[in-house]
Amino acid sequence: MAATLTREEARRLAVAGTLLDGSLDGSGRIVDVVRKIGYLQLDPTNAVARSHLLVLFSRLGPYDLAKLERLLNTRKLYEYSAAIVAAEDHALHRTSMNRYPEGHYGGWPARIEAWLEANARLRVSVLQQLEESGPLPSRAIKDDSDTGWRSTGWTNERNVTRMLEFLWLMGQILVHGRDGQQRVWDLAHRVIPPADPLPIEEATARVALRSLRLLGVATLQQVKEEPFVDRPFAGLGEAVREGAGIERVEVEGQKGAWYAHRDDLTLLDKPEREPYTTLLSPFDPLIRNRKRTQSLWDFDFRLEIYIPKDKRWGFFVLPVLHGNDLVGRIDPTMDRKAGVLRINALKWEPGAPADVPLEAVVGRLAKFLGAVRVTWPRSNRRPPARR
């Protein structure tokens, strides 16, 4: 029979799987975090700090940003598909690159292939310009398109940008570096040494298994929704057949089959660590799946950036993690000109314990951001006393 986990046990596995249990605080390495998580999602929003920087801060505490730059400059890490990934995974990603656009959603593959075929001249031109002059930002690349890219959004007629994105996902070019936030492109083999792609079955199994262990415990659908996962059902099935230690479990109050790795389940037999408290990026792997966050934590969370100001609670909201529980949220803004970290709003979840060291955690964030002062709203900085 499948073992039954309480929701508290499922949360503990999830927090440990995403390296948020305090095991790395102050002593972990950036590359270890990326290797375990598999990716650092990139997002341009900079109200506090870029999301990938916050994801590392949540696990490592204040760290040296120069170390991350060195890892990118020395190609221990590189950018791929709106994420920072480990160079040691290049063969893994080559499998997806070689298949692109196969496997993408809806009618996109056919549309992309048709557009690429119609713009063969632009494709050759972009590669030639990089060969002769690269590395180059998109603004320095001539548009030799024969057919414009049509959309109702910002990509409409952004033909060079679209071609660069597609060539990137195909692995023919990569991000050489950045000029501010502007990506600078170059031919892939000049950015990172070429690697032979893994067989698709092996790549599928490896990514699905890593995603499952990142989540700690998950349904197949939740694994499927992780970045870079392709055919997760086949991937987990292959891992099970190979004796990879995956076990089916049930989670109290949750429907259907869940899965966990046997080695991760042994964590539940060990004493719990002292509660580790930190702040999470809205794109943190622990909470990026909003339905999963709701079902395991009863924590209603959504990205409010695109919600009209008068209808949202906060702009770039950071959940507060204390131990294995999501106990509150803050709405901060970093005023870089004044050197002030402003906490615009604060909200506690029902039942949040009174000993959450929020001021200390926000102080660590302020130090990391280089803020000289923190301002708070009038609301109570400590959870209300339980009755």
Protein backbone atom coordinates (compact mmCIF):
# COMPACT_ATOMS: atom_id res chain seq x y z
CA MET A 1 0.00 0.00 0.00
CA ALA A 2 1.10 3.57 -0.68
CA ALA A 3 2.29 5.48 2.39
CA THR A 4 0.08 8.36 3.51
CA LEU A 5 1.71 11.69 4.31
CA THR A 6 0.15 14.47 6.31
CA ARG A 7 0.09 17.87 4.68
CA GLU A 8 2.68 19.00 7.23
CA GLU A 9 5.00 16.19 6.09
CA ALA A 10 4.40 17.06 2.44
CA ARG A 11 5.30 20.68 3.18
CA ARG A 12 8.49 19.59 4.91
CA LEU A 13 9.55 17.55 1.88
CA ALA A 14 8.72 20.46 -0.44
CA VAL A 15 10.71 22.98 1.60
CA ALA A 16 13.73 20.67 1.89
CA GLY A 17 13.57 19.77 -1.81
CA THR A 18 13.84 23.41 -2.79
CA LEU A 19 16.74 24.00 -0.34
CA LEU A 20 14.70 26.34 1.84
CA ASP A 21 15.18 24.47 5.12
CA GLY A 22 18.19 26.54 6.18
CA SER A 23 20.73 23.89 5.26
CA LEU A 24 22.63 26.26 2.94
CA ASP A 25 22.24 29.57 4.73
CA GLY A 26 25.61 31.29 4.87
CA SER A 27 27.58 28.29 3.63
CA GLY A 28 26.15 27.09 0.32
CA ARG A 29 27.48 27.71 -3.15
CA ILE A 30 25.56 29.37 -5.97
CA VAL A 31 26.37 26.61 -8.42
CA ASP A 32 25.07 23.98 -5.96
CA VAL A 33 21.72 25.77 -5.80
CA VAL A 34 21.42 25.93 -9.58
CA ARG A 35 22.50 22.29 -9.92
CA LYS A 36 19.84 21.10 -7.42
CA ILE A 37 17.01 23.35 -8.58
CA GLY A 38 17.92 23.00 -12.25
CA TYR A 39 17.26 26.63 -13.20
CA LEU A 40 16.98 30.22 -11.99
CA GLN A 41 14.00 31.78 -13.73
CA LEU A 42 14.72 35.20 -15.23
CA ASP A 43 12.23 38.06 -15.06
CA PRO A 44 12.88 41.74 -15.79
CA THR A 45 10.90 43.12 -12.82
CA ASN A 46 13.28 45.00 -10.53
CA ALA A 47 11.02 46.60 -7.89
CA VAL A 48 13.13 44.92 -5.20
CA ALA A 49 15.75 42.90 -7.10
CA ARG A 50 15.66 40.61 -10.11
CA SER A 51 13.91 37.35 -9.29
CA HIS A 52 16.91 35.06 -9.82
CA LEU A 53 18.91 37.13 -7.35
CA LEU A 54 16.15 36.78 -4.75
CA VAL A 55 15.87 33.03 -5.28
CA LEU A 56 19.56 32.71 -4.36
CA PHE A 57 19.18 35.12 -1.43
CA SER A 58 16.30 33.05 -0.01
CA ARG A 59 18.63 30.05 0.28
CA LEU A 60 22.06 31.58 0.85
CA GLY A 61 21.30 34.79 2.70
CA PRO A 62 23.31 37.87 1.63
CA TYR A 63 25.87 36.70 -0.91
CA ASP A 64 28.44 38.28 -3.21
CA LEU A 65 26.80 39.21 -6.52
CA ALA A 66 30.24 39.22 -8.12
CA LYS A 67 30.40 35.46 -7.62
CA LEU A 68 27.32 34.99 -9.77
CA GLU A 69 28.83 37.20 -12.47
CA ARG A 70 32.05 35.18 -12.39
CA LEU A 71 30.13 31.93 -12.80
CA LEU A 72 28.39 33.38 -15.87
CA ASN A 73 31.59 34.89 -17.28
CA THR A 74 33.53 31.63 -16.83
CA ARG A 75 30.58 29.67 -18.32
CA LYS A 76 29.94 27.53 -15.26
CA LEU A 77 26.42 28.89 -15.75
CA TYR A 78 24.72 30.21 -18.88
CA GLU A 79 21.37 31.59 -20.01
CA TYR A 80 18.87 29.41 -21.80
CA SER A 81 15.12 29.78 -22.33
CA ALA A 82 14.57 32.67 -19.89
CA ALA A 83 16.59 30.95 -17.17
CA ILE A 84 20.11 30.53 -15.84
CA VAL A 85 21.18 26.89 -16.02
CA ALA A 86 24.31 24.89 -15.19
CA ALA A 87 26.88 24.31 -17.94
CA GLU A 88 27.12 20.68 -16.86
CA ASP A 89 23.52 20.28 -18.04
CA HIS A 90 24.29 21.46 -21.57
CA ALA A 91 24.00 17.96 -23.06
CA LEU A 92 20.62 17.65 -21.35
CA HIS A 93 19.37 20.89 -22.85
CA ARG A 94 20.84 20.04 -26.26
CA THR A 95 18.18 17.34 -26.46
CA SER A 96 15.42 19.96 -26.31
CA MET A 97 17.35 22.40 -28.50
CA ASN A 98 17.68 19.85 -31.29
CA ARG A 99 13.93 19.11 -31.21
CA TYR A 100 12.70 22.71 -31.06
CA PRO A 101 9.97 23.72 -31.81
CA GLU A 102 8.62 20.20 -31.37
CA GLY A 103 6.96 19.72 -28.00
CA HIS A 104 5.72 23.29 -27.58
CA TYR A 105 2.10 24.02 -26.87
CA GLY A 106 -0.91 24.52 -29.14
CA GLY A 107 -0.32 25.52 -32.75
CA TRP A 108 3.02 27.17 -32.02
CA PRO A 109 5.36 24.55 -33.52
CA ALA A 110 3.68 24.68 -36.94
CA ARG A 111 3.53 28.47 -36.87
CA ILE A 112 7.18 28.83 -35.85
CA GLU A 113 8.37 26.34 -38.47
CA ALA A 114 6.38 28.12 -41.19
CA TRP A 115 7.76 31.52 -40.17
CA LEU A 116 11.34 30.21 -40.03
CA GLU A 117 10.94 28.69 -43.49
CA ALA A 118 9.55 31.93 -44.89
CA ASN A 119 12.45 33.85 -43.34
CA ALA A 120 15.34 31.58 -44.27
CA ARG A 121 17.22 34.62 -45.53
CA LEU A 122 16.92 36.39 -42.17
CA ARG A 123 18.06 33.24 -40.35
CA VAL A 124 21.20 32.97 -42.49
CA SER A 125 21.79 36.70 -42.22
CA VAL A 126 21.63 36.72 -38.40
CA LEU A 127 24.10 33.85 -38.16
CA GLN A 128 26.45 35.49 -40.67
CA GLN A 129 26.36 38.83 -38.86
CA LEU A 130 27.26 37.12 -35.58
CA GLU A 131 29.96 35.06 -37.29
CA GLU A 132 31.57 38.17 -38.76
CA SER A 133 30.93 40.78 -36.05
CA GLY A 134 29.56 39.11 -32.94
CA PRO A 135 28.87 39.32 -30.08
CA LEU A 136 26.03 41.72 -30.89
CA PRO A 137 22.89 43.10 -29.22
CA SER A 138 19.66 42.74 -31.18
CA ARG A 139 19.61 46.45 -32.05
CA ALA A 140 22.88 46.04 -34.00
CA ILE A 141 21.55 43.21 -36.18
CA LYS A 142 20.10 44.08 -39.59
CA ASP A 143 16.52 43.00 -40.30
CA ASP A 144 16.54 40.99 -43.55
CA SER A 145 13.13 39.44 -42.99
CA ASP A 146 10.79 38.62 -45.86
CA THR A 147 7.72 38.07 -43.66
CA GLY A 148 6.95 39.96 -40.48
CA TRP A 149 6.08 38.25 -37.20
CA ARG A 150 2.45 39.03 -36.41
CA SER A 151 1.06 39.22 -32.90
CA THR A 152 -1.24 41.39 -30.80
CA GLY A 153 1.52 41.97 -28.24
CA TRP A 154 4.92 43.62 -28.04
CA THR A 155 6.52 41.05 -30.39
CA ASN A 156 4.56 42.28 -33.41
CA GLU A 157 7.04 43.00 -36.26
CA ARG A 158 9.97 42.43 -33.86
CA ASN A 159 11.45 40.18 -36.50
CA VAL A 160 15.09 40.18 -35.43
CA THR A 161 14.10 39.67 -31.80
CA ARG A 162 11.86 36.74 -32.73
CA MET A 163 14.54 35.15 -34.89
CA LEU A 164 17.11 35.51 -32.11
CA GLU A 165 14.71 33.91 -29.61
CA PHE A 166 14.03 30.96 -31.91
CA LEU A 167 17.71 30.45 -32.76
CA TRP A 168 18.42 30.59 -29.01
CA LEU A 169 15.86 27.88 -28.25
CA MET A 170 17.31 25.83 -31.11
CA GLY A 171 20.76 26.13 -29.53
CA GLN A 172 22.37 27.83 -32.53
CA ILE A 173 23.09 31.02 -30.59
CA LEU A 174 23.41 31.80 -26.88
CA VAL A 175 23.63 34.85 -24.63
CA HIS A 176 27.26 35.96 -24.57
CA GLY A 177 26.62 38.53 -21.86
CA ARG A 178 24.55 41.59 -21.06
CA ASP A 179 24.83 45.31 -21.61
CA GLY A 180 22.69 46.41 -18.69
CA GLN A 181 19.60 44.26 -19.19
CA GLN A 182 20.12 44.06 -22.97
CA ARG A 183 21.19 40.59 -24.06
CA VAL A 184 24.31 40.34 -26.23
CA TRP A 185 24.25 37.35 -28.59
CA ASP A 186 26.90 35.12 -30.10
CA LEU A 187 27.17 31.77 -31.87
CA ALA A 188 26.59 28.97 -29.37
CA HIS A 189 29.95 27.23 -29.84
CA ARG A 190 31.75 30.47 -28.94
CA VAL A 191 29.82 30.75 -25.68
CA ILE A 192 30.00 27.20 -24.35
CA PRO A 193 31.75 24.08 -25.69
CA PRO A 194 29.47 21.93 -27.87
CA ALA A 195 27.89 18.85 -26.32
CA ASP A 196 26.25 15.82 -27.85
CA PRO A 197 22.54 15.65 -26.94
CA LEU A 198 21.38 12.85 -24.67
CA PRO A 199 18.92 10.26 -25.98
CA ILE A 200 15.46 11.67 -25.46
CA GLU A 201 14.44 8.85 -23.10
CA GLU A 202 17.42 9.53 -20.84
CA ALA A 203 16.96 13.29 -20.94
CA THR A 204 13.25 12.96 -20.19
CA ALA A 205 13.85 10.65 -17.25
CA ARG A 206 16.61 12.83 -15.77
CA VAL A 207 14.69 16.09 -15.94
CA ALA A 208 11.46 14.54 -14.65
CA LEU A 209 13.28 12.89 -11.74
CA ARG A 210 15.14 16.08 -10.84
CA SER A 211 11.90 18.06 -10.96
CA LEU A 212 10.20 15.54 -8.70
CA ARG A 213 13.03 15.72 -6.17
CA LEU A 214 12.97 19.51 -6.35
CA LEU A 215 9.27 19.48 -5.49
CA GLY A 216 9.84 16.90 -2.74
CA VAL A 217 6.48 15.27 -3.31
CA ALA A 218 4.25 15.90 -6.31
CA THR A 219 1.64 14.65 -8.73
CA LEU A 220 2.61 13.86 -12.30
CA GLN A 221 0.73 16.96 -13.42
CA GLN A 222 2.81 19.12 -11.08
CA VAL A 223 6.01 17.59 -12.45
CA LYS A 224 4.74 18.25 -15.97
CA GLU A 225 4.32 21.94 -15.19
CA GLU A 226 7.95 22.39 -14.14
CA PRO A 227 10.30 24.17 -16.60
CA PHE A 228 12.18 21.99 -19.09
CA VAL A 229 10.07 18.91 -18.40
CA ASP A 230 9.19 17.04 -21.59
CA ARG A 231 6.90 13.98 -21.53
CA PRO A 232 6.99 13.66 -17.70
CA PHE A 233 4.75 10.61 -17.59
CA ALA A 234 7.18 8.67 -19.77
CA GLY A 235 10.10 10.19 -17.90
CA LEU A 236 8.93 9.13 -14.47
CA GLY A 237 7.86 5.76 -15.83
CA GLU A 238 11.36 5.22 -17.19
CA ALA A 239 12.88 6.29 -13.87
CA VAL A 240 10.64 3.84 -12.00
CA ARG A 241 11.56 1.00 -14.36
CA GLU A 242 15.23 1.72 -13.82
CA GLY A 243 14.83 1.42 -10.06
CA ALA A 244 15.37 5.12 -9.40
CA GLY A 245 13.69 4.86 -6.00
CA ILE A 246 10.42 6.62 -6.80
CA GLU A 247 7.51 5.63 -4.57
CA ARG A 248 3.83 6.35 -4.88
CA VAL A 249 2.35 8.07 -1.82
CA GLU A 250 -0.90 9.66 -0.78
CA VAL A 251 -1.15 13.10 0.77
CA GLU A 252 -3.80 13.69 3.38
CA GLY A 253 -6.71 15.67 1.97
CA GLN A 254 -5.34 15.59 -1.59
CA LYS A 255 -6.78 13.70 -4.53
CA GLY A 256 -4.97 11.20 -6.72
CA ALA A 257 -1.51 9.70 -6.71
CA TRP A 258 1.53 11.63 -5.52
CA TYR A 259 5.16 10.56 -5.86
CA ALA A 260 8.34 11.02 -3.85
CA HIS A 261 11.87 9.65 -3.93
CA ARG A 262 12.70 7.03 -1.33
CA ASP A 263 15.79 8.93 -0.16
CA ASP A 264 13.75 12.09 0.39
CA LEU A 265 11.14 10.25 2.43
CA THR A 266 13.83 9.29 4.97
CA LEU A 267 13.95 12.98 5.94
CA LEU A 268 10.68 12.45 7.81
CA ASP A 269 12.45 10.09 10.24
CA LYS A 270 14.95 12.76 11.26
CA PRO A 271 14.51 15.56 13.83
CA GLU A 272 13.33 18.82 12.33
CA ARG A 273 15.71 21.75 12.04
CA GLU A 274 15.14 25.00 13.85
CA PRO A 275 12.66 27.01 11.73
CA TYR A 276 14.43 28.92 8.99
CA THR A 277 12.76 32.19 8.02
CA THR A 278 13.19 33.83 4.65
CA LEU A 279 11.40 35.79 1.93
CA LEU A 280 10.43 34.30 -1.41
CA SER A 281 10.42 35.75 -4.90
CA PRO A 282 6.99 35.48 -6.57
CA PHE A 283 8.75 33.16 -9.05
CA ASP A 284 10.40 30.96 -6.43
CA PRO A 285 10.25 27.22 -7.30
CA LEU A 286 8.45 26.51 -4.02
CA ILE A 287 5.45 28.63 -4.96
CA ARG A 288 5.58 29.09 -8.73
CA ASN A 289 2.75 26.56 -9.13
CA ARG A 290 -0.13 28.55 -7.60
CA LYS A 291 -2.59 25.63 -7.47
CA ARG A 292 -0.06 23.47 -5.65
CA THR A 293 0.67 26.33 -3.22
CA GLN A 294 -3.02 26.65 -2.49
CA SER A 295 -3.58 22.93 -1.99
CA LEU A 296 -0.57 22.29 0.28
CA TRP A 297 -0.49 25.54 2.27
CA ASP A 298 -3.96 27.10 1.87
CA PHE A 299 -1.97 30.11 0.71
CA ASP A 300 -3.81 32.14 -1.92
CA PHE A 301 -1.06 33.77 -3.93
CA ARG A 302 -0.88 35.26 -7.40
CA LEU A 303 1.34 37.60 -9.33
CA GLU A 304 -0.31 41.03 -9.14
CA ILE A 305 2.05 43.02 -11.35
CA TYR A 306 -0.45 43.22 -14.21
CA ILE A 307 -3.49 43.90 -12.02
CA PRO A 308 -4.65 47.57 -11.96
CA LYS A 309 -3.17 49.41 -9.00
CA ASP A 310 -6.51 50.08 -7.35
CA LYS A 311 -7.39 46.36 -7.39
CA ARG A 312 -4.17 44.75 -6.20
CA TRP A 313 -2.83 44.26 -2.69
CA GLY A 314 0.79 44.78 -3.68
CA PHE A 315 3.03 44.99 -6.74
CA PHE A 316 5.98 42.60 -6.19
CA VAL A 317 4.75 40.63 -3.19
CA LEU A 318 7.21 38.43 -1.28
CA PRO A 319 5.71 35.57 0.78
CA VAL A 320 7.23 34.94 4.22
CA LEU A 321 8.40 31.36 4.80
CA HIS A 322 8.91 30.32 8.42
CA GLY A 323 9.96 26.70 8.87
CA ASN A 324 7.64 24.71 6.63
CA ASP A 325 4.82 27.25 6.64
CA LEU A 326 3.91 30.29 4.59
CA VAL A 327 2.99 32.71 7.36
CA GLY A 328 2.60 36.09 5.70
CA ARG A 329 3.51 38.41 2.84
CA ILE A 330 5.10 41.81 2.36
CA ASP A 331 4.94 44.35 -0.45
CA PRO A 332 8.42 45.93 -0.64
CA THR A 333 10.04 48.45 -2.97
CA MET A 334 13.72 49.29 -3.12
CA ASP A 335 14.25 53.03 -3.50
CA ARG A 336 17.78 52.92 -4.90
CA LYS A 337 18.18 56.67 -5.16
CA ALA A 338 17.40 57.17 -1.47
CA GLY A 339 18.95 53.89 -0.34
CA VAL A 340 15.71 52.90 1.39
CA LEU A 341 13.90 49.57 1.40
CA ARG A 342 10.24 50.50 1.79
CA ILE A 343 7.80 47.91 3.14
CA ASN A 344 4.57 49.27 1.71
CA ALA A 345 2.25 46.66 3.22
CA LEU A 346 2.38 43.62 5.49
CA LYS A 347 -0.16 40.88 6.01
CA TRP A 348 -0.03 37.85 8.32
CA GLU A 349 -1.75 34.54 7.67
CA PRO A 350 -4.21 33.26 10.29
CA GLY A 351 -2.37 31.35 13.00
CA ALA A 352 1.09 32.71 12.22
CA PRO A 353 3.35 32.12 15.23
CA ALA A 354 4.39 35.11 17.30
CA ASP A 355 8.12 34.38 17.03
CA VAL A 356 8.56 34.98 13.28
CA PRO A 357 11.75 37.12 13.06
CA LEU A 358 10.49 39.23 10.17
CA GLU A 359 12.43 42.38 11.05
CA ALA A 360 15.70 40.45 11.12
CA VAL A 361 14.97 38.81 7.74
CA VAL A 362 14.01 42.14 6.16
CA GLY A 363 17.19 43.60 7.64
CA ARG A 364 19.21 40.87 5.87
CA LEU A 365 17.45 41.71 2.62
CA ALA A 366 18.21 45.40 3.12
CA LYS A 367 21.89 44.57 3.66
CA PHE A 368 21.92 42.46 0.50
CA LEU A 369 20.35 45.30 -1.51
CA GLY A 370 22.66 47.93 -0.07
CA ALA A 371 19.84 49.82 1.66
CA VAL A 372 20.81 52.10 4.55
CA ARG A 373 17.33 52.20 6.03
CA VAL A 374 14.05 50.27 6.12
CA THR A 375 10.64 51.91 6.44
CA TRP A 376 7.57 50.01 7.64
CA PRO A 377 3.80 50.50 7.40
CA ARG A 378 1.81 51.14 10.56
CA SER A 379 0.52 47.56 10.65
CA ASN A 380 1.91 45.22 13.31
CA ARG A 381 5.30 43.79 12.42
CA ARG A 382 4.55 40.74 14.56
CA PRO A 383 1.66 38.32 14.10
CA PRO A 384 -1.30 38.97 16.39
CA ALA A 385 -1.26 36.94 19.60
CA ARG A 386 -3.28 33.76 19.44
CA ARG A 387 -6.35 33.60 21.62
